[in-house]
């Protein structure tokens, strides 16, 4: 497999426009901080789920959107 299409084996974070490897704790902390900042700024958020996922996974996705993101904007390709 070409390096261009190789799988990631560690999370990457962006520092000064450059990607570097990071620990899972650092990557998850950065992701959580990004969600927190967006919520504090009142940014519109939403979630899109997939019809191929289980009902339980779709339920968890909508629960995450409503409880964590404080958003009722949940959509799915189930309606197509």
Protein backbone atom coordinates (compact mmCIF):
# COMPACT_ATOMS: atom_id res chain seq x y z
CA UNK A 1 0.00 0.00 0.00
CA UNK A 2 1.32 3.40 -0.89
CA UNK A 3 2.20 5.75 2.03
CA UNK A 4 -0.39 8.14 0.69
CA UNK A 5 -3.12 5.67 1.61
CA UNK A 6 -1.53 4.14 4.70
CA UNK A 7 -3.62 3.84 7.85
CA UNK A 8 -2.98 6.14 10.76
CA UNK A 9 -1.56 4.30 13.75
CA UNK A 10 -1.51 7.24 16.18
CA UNK A 11 -3.61 10.37 16.50
CA UNK A 12 -2.32 13.54 14.90
CA UNK A 13 -2.72 17.09 16.19
CA UNK A 14 -2.01 20.35 14.42
CA UNK A 15 0.61 22.70 15.86
CA UNK A 16 1.36 25.86 13.93
CA UNK A 17 -0.16 24.43 10.76
CA UNK A 18 1.87 21.21 10.93
CA UNK A 19 0.58 17.80 11.95
CA UNK A 20 2.46 15.86 14.59
CA UNK A 21 1.87 12.59 16.42
CA UNK A 22 0.26 12.89 19.83
CA UNK A 23 -0.96 10.67 22.64
CA UNK A 24 -4.59 9.62 22.72
CA UNK A 25 -5.11 11.67 25.88
CA UNK A 26 -3.82 14.84 24.21
CA UNK A 27 -5.84 14.26 21.04
CA UNK A 28 -9.07 13.58 22.97
CA UNK A 29 -8.47 16.58 25.24
CA UNK A 30 -8.06 18.79 22.16
CA UNK A 31 -11.22 17.40 20.58
CA UNK A 32 -13.19 17.97 23.79
CA UNK A 33 -11.81 21.52 24.03
CA UNK A 34 -12.94 22.18 20.46
CA UNK A 35 -16.49 20.98 21.22
CA UNK A 36 -16.53 23.04 24.42
CA UNK A 37 -15.36 26.19 22.62
CA UNK A 38 -17.96 25.78 19.87
CA UNK A 39 -20.73 25.28 22.45
CA UNK A 40 -19.62 28.34 24.45
CA UNK A 41 -19.62 30.48 21.29
CA UNK A 42 -23.12 29.30 20.43
CA UNK A 43 -21.95 27.73 17.19
CA UNK A 44 -24.58 25.74 15.38
CA UNK A 45 -23.82 22.07 15.61
CA UNK A 46 -25.56 18.97 14.43
CA UNK A 47 -25.03 15.33 13.80
CA UNK A 48 -25.61 13.09 10.80
CA UNK A 49 -26.11 9.39 11.34
CA UNK A 50 -26.25 6.42 8.98
CA UNK A 51 -29.05 3.99 8.18
CA UNK A 52 -26.54 1.12 8.10
CA UNK A 53 -25.80 1.61 11.80
CA UNK A 54 -27.77 -0.26 14.43
CA UNK A 55 -30.75 1.35 16.14
CA UNK A 56 -28.71 1.40 19.35
CA UNK A 57 -25.86 3.29 17.68
CA UNK A 58 -28.27 5.78 16.11
CA UNK A 59 -29.90 6.26 19.54
CA UNK A 60 -26.48 6.89 21.12
CA UNK A 61 -25.64 9.40 18.36
CA UNK A 62 -28.84 11.39 18.87
CA UNK A 63 -28.38 11.26 22.65
CA UNK A 64 -24.81 12.61 22.24
CA UNK A 65 -26.09 15.42 20.03
CA UNK A 66 -28.85 16.42 22.44
CA UNK A 67 -27.00 16.03 25.75
CA UNK A 68 -23.39 16.91 24.91
CA UNK A 69 -23.75 19.27 21.94
CA UNK A 70 -27.05 20.75 23.19
CA UNK A 71 -28.44 20.44 19.68
CA UNK A 72 -31.66 18.97 18.34
CA UNK A 73 -30.13 19.01 14.84
CA UNK A 74 -29.95 15.29 14.17
CA UNK A 75 -30.42 13.87 10.70
CA UNK A 76 -30.05 10.48 9.10
CA UNK A 77 -30.10 8.99 5.65
CA UNK A 78 -32.93 6.73 6.91
CA UNK A 79 -35.43 9.13 5.37
CA UNK A 80 -34.19 8.70 1.80
